[in-house]
Amino acid sequence: MTKQDAFIRTYTGGQVFFFEPDKSNIDLLDIYHPLSLLCRFNGNSLYFYSIAQHSVMVADKVFEETGCKSLAFPALMHDGAEAFLSDIPSPFKALFPDFKEVEIRMEEWLSRRFGFEYPLDPIIKKHDLKALSTEMRDLMIVCDNQNLPEPYPEKIIPLDFNESKKLFAQRFHQYRC
């Protein structure tokens, strides 16, 4: 198999080609179904907490601050590539520049496929980091968020995968311009 032929089958039966994502064919369900089943921190948390729920929190916070759907939608989709590439911890990912290249290609393709701006606005990273700080406080045994922004005041209540899947789908339709 060559790099150009490397693909995975999606939930709905589509295909995602890692090195040539423009050849891929997916449905929206191929994004939010796996994101609702993938646990943040590779499962190293006190409770199951999905990437889908994380994405909704980031999108809602961006929308709260800006009132702008055209920023909330890419915030919702900011971890969309993880539906196909999984949630690789950033310190590990940094050691593999080829992986980062594939991830960027996938993010660019998703932005074209679903119609949002890429690269992402810095406000999305701001709320991604605040969400991470909040998740560290509420979902981890060791709260290791000293170098992160202040967490949000509200406590996270983890949802099961069905609830986070429905919530992601609702926000997709609410925020998509």
Protein backbone atom coordinates (compact mmCIF):
# COMPACT_ATOMS: atom_id res chain seq x y z
CA MET A 1 0.00 0.00 0.00
CA THR A 2 1.27 3.48 -0.83
CA LYS A 3 0.69 6.62 1.21
CA GLN A 4 -1.83 7.75 -1.41
CA ASP A 5 -3.85 4.55 -0.91
CA ALA A 6 -3.86 4.63 2.92
CA PHE A 7 -7.43 5.08 4.13
CA ILE A 8 -9.84 4.09 6.87
CA ARG A 9 -13.51 3.21 6.55
CA THR A 10 -15.85 5.57 8.39
CA TYR A 11 -18.92 4.92 10.52
CA THR A 12 -21.29 5.43 7.55
CA GLY A 13 -19.10 3.42 5.17
CA GLY A 14 -17.21 6.32 3.62
CA GLN A 15 -13.46 6.48 3.21
CA VAL A 16 -10.89 8.91 4.59
CA PHE A 17 -7.55 9.01 2.80
CA PHE A 18 -4.88 10.26 5.20
CA PHE A 19 -2.44 11.67 2.65
CA GLU A 20 -4.96 12.75 0.01
CA PRO A 21 -8.04 13.78 1.99
CA ASP A 22 -9.65 15.38 -1.08
CA LYS A 23 -10.31 11.81 -2.32
CA SER A 24 -12.31 11.12 0.85
CA ASN A 25 -16.06 10.83 1.11
CA ILE A 26 -17.73 11.33 4.47
CA ASP A 27 -20.97 12.36 6.05
CA LEU A 28 -21.41 14.70 9.04
CA LEU A 29 -22.22 11.63 11.14
CA ASP A 30 -18.65 10.43 10.43
CA ILE A 31 -17.45 13.40 12.48
CA TYR A 32 -19.72 13.51 15.49
CA HIS A 33 -20.24 9.78 16.02
CA PRO A 34 -16.55 8.95 16.61
CA LEU A 35 -15.93 12.21 18.50
CA SER A 36 -18.71 11.23 20.92
CA LEU A 37 -17.01 7.86 21.51
CA LEU A 38 -13.44 9.16 21.86
CA CYS A 39 -12.45 10.09 25.40
CA ARG A 40 -10.31 13.15 26.07
CA PHE A 41 -6.87 12.49 27.55
CA ASN A 42 -6.92 9.00 25.97
CA GLY A 43 -9.18 7.92 28.83
CA ASN A 44 -6.77 9.06 31.56
CA SER A 45 -9.50 10.93 33.39
CA LEU A 46 -11.80 10.29 36.32
CA TYR A 47 -14.82 9.93 34.04
CA PHE A 48 -15.61 9.37 30.41
CA TYR A 49 -15.59 12.79 28.78
CA SER A 50 -15.85 12.90 25.01
CA ILE A 51 -14.07 15.05 22.47
CA ALA A 52 -17.55 15.92 21.17
CA GLN A 53 -18.52 17.43 24.54
CA HIS A 54 -15.20 19.28 24.69
CA SER A 55 -15.82 20.69 21.19
CA VAL A 56 -19.30 21.87 22.15
CA MET A 57 -17.91 23.64 25.24
CA VAL A 58 -15.29 25.46 23.15
CA ALA A 59 -17.87 26.46 20.52
CA ASP A 60 -20.38 27.66 23.12
CA LYS A 61 -17.73 29.75 24.89
CA VAL A 62 -16.58 31.30 21.61
CA PHE A 63 -20.20 32.11 20.77
CA GLU A 64 -20.82 33.52 24.28
CA GLU A 65 -17.86 35.88 23.88
CA THR A 66 -18.39 36.92 20.27
CA GLY A 67 -22.03 36.22 19.33
CA CYS A 68 -20.57 35.12 16.00
CA LYS A 69 -21.65 31.84 14.39
CA SER A 70 -18.81 32.10 11.86
CA LEU A 71 -16.37 31.74 14.79
CA ALA A 72 -18.44 29.27 16.84
CA PHE A 73 -18.73 26.80 13.95
CA PRO A 74 -14.98 26.33 13.37
CA ALA A 75 -14.61 26.16 17.17
CA LEU A 76 -17.04 23.23 17.14
CA MET A 77 -15.04 21.59 14.35
CA HIS A 78 -11.57 22.38 15.74
CA ASP A 79 -10.87 18.74 16.71
CA GLY A 80 -12.74 17.23 13.74
CA ALA A 81 -9.60 15.54 12.38
CA GLU A 82 -9.50 13.48 15.58
CA ALA A 83 -12.54 11.58 14.28
CA PHE A 84 -10.07 9.93 11.89
CA LEU A 85 -6.66 10.41 13.51
CA SER A 86 -7.64 9.94 17.17
CA ASP A 87 -6.67 12.18 20.08
CA ILE A 88 -2.88 12.02 20.13
CA PRO A 89 -1.36 13.84 23.13
CA SER A 90 0.32 17.08 22.02
CA PRO A 91 3.73 16.33 23.63
CA PHE A 92 3.92 13.03 21.70
CA LYS A 93 2.53 14.53 18.48
CA ALA A 94 5.28 17.19 18.51
CA LEU A 95 7.88 14.45 18.03
CA PHE A 96 6.35 13.38 14.71
CA PRO A 97 6.29 16.22 12.17
CA ASP A 98 4.81 13.90 9.51
CA PHE A 99 1.81 13.29 11.73
CA LYS A 100 1.33 17.02 12.23
CA GLU A 101 1.46 17.48 8.43
CA VAL A 102 -1.28 14.87 7.95
CA GLU A 103 -3.35 16.49 10.71
CA ILE A 104 -3.06 19.92 9.06
CA ARG A 105 -4.05 18.49 5.66
CA MET A 106 -7.06 16.84 7.30
CA GLU A 107 -8.06 20.08 9.07
CA GLU A 108 -7.74 22.06 5.82
CA TRP A 109 -9.85 19.47 3.98
CA LEU A 110 -12.52 19.51 6.70
CA SER A 111 -12.67 23.30 6.50
CA ARG A 112 -13.33 23.09 2.75
CA ARG A 113 -15.73 20.16 3.13
CA PHE A 114 -17.86 21.82 5.80
CA GLY A 115 -17.28 25.48 4.92
CA PHE A 116 -15.34 27.20 7.69
CA GLU A 117 -12.24 29.40 7.89
CA TYR A 118 -8.84 27.77 8.28
CA PRO A 119 -6.43 28.41 9.87
CA LEU A 120 -8.53 28.86 12.95
CA ASP A 121 -9.00 32.22 14.63
CA PRO A 122 -6.84 32.69 17.80
CA ILE A 123 -9.99 33.09 19.92
CA ILE A 124 -10.63 29.37 19.36
CA LYS A 125 -7.22 28.45 20.78
CA LYS A 126 -7.90 30.77 23.74
CA HIS A 127 -11.10 28.90 24.61
CA ASP A 128 -9.55 25.50 23.80
CA LEU A 129 -6.91 26.22 26.46
CA LYS A 130 -9.49 27.50 28.97
CA ALA A 131 -11.50 24.33 28.36
CA LEU A 132 -8.35 22.25 28.92
CA SER A 133 -7.72 24.08 32.20
CA THR A 134 -11.30 23.42 33.30
CA GLU A 135 -11.07 19.76 32.26
CA MET A 136 -7.83 19.35 34.21
CA ARG A 137 -9.51 20.82 37.30
CA ASP A 138 -12.70 18.77 37.03
CA LEU A 139 -11.69 15.50 35.39
CA MET A 140 -8.16 14.64 36.46
CA ILE A 141 -6.74 13.28 39.72
CA VAL A 142 -3.83 15.71 39.50
CA CYS A 143 -4.82 19.25 38.54
CA ASP A 144 -1.84 20.20 36.40
CA ASN A 145 -3.15 23.45 34.95
CA GLN A 146 -0.76 26.01 36.47
CA ASN A 147 0.56 27.11 33.06
CA LEU A 148 -2.90 27.37 31.55
CA PRO A 149 -5.47 30.19 31.65
CA GLU A 150 -7.94 30.39 34.50
CA PRO A 151 -10.58 27.66 34.19
CA TYR A 152 -14.21 28.48 33.59
CA PRO A 153 -16.13 28.90 36.87
CA GLU A 154 -18.77 26.27 36.09
CA LYS A 155 -17.99 22.62 36.79
CA ILE A 156 -18.04 20.09 33.96
CA ILE A 157 -20.74 17.43 34.13
CA PRO A 158 -19.64 14.65 31.76
CA LEU A 159 -22.28 13.38 29.35
CA ASP A 160 -22.56 9.87 27.99
CA PHE A 161 -21.71 9.34 24.35
CA ASN A 162 -25.34 9.50 23.14
CA GLU A 163 -25.94 12.83 24.86
CA SER A 164 -22.69 14.35 23.57
CA LYS A 165 -23.45 13.04 20.07
CA LYS A 166 -26.88 14.72 20.07
CA LEU A 167 -25.46 17.93 21.51
CA PHE A 168 -22.73 18.11 18.85
CA ALA A 169 -25.29 17.54 16.07
CA GLN A 170 -27.53 20.29 17.52
CA ARG A 171 -24.66 22.77 17.69
CA PHE A 172 -23.55 21.84 14.17
CA HIS A 173 -26.94 22.93 12.82
CA GLN A 174 -27.16 25.91 15.17
CA TYR A 175 -23.72 27.38 14.36
CA ARG A 176 -23.20 26.41 10.73
CA CYS A 177 -23.59 29.54 8.60
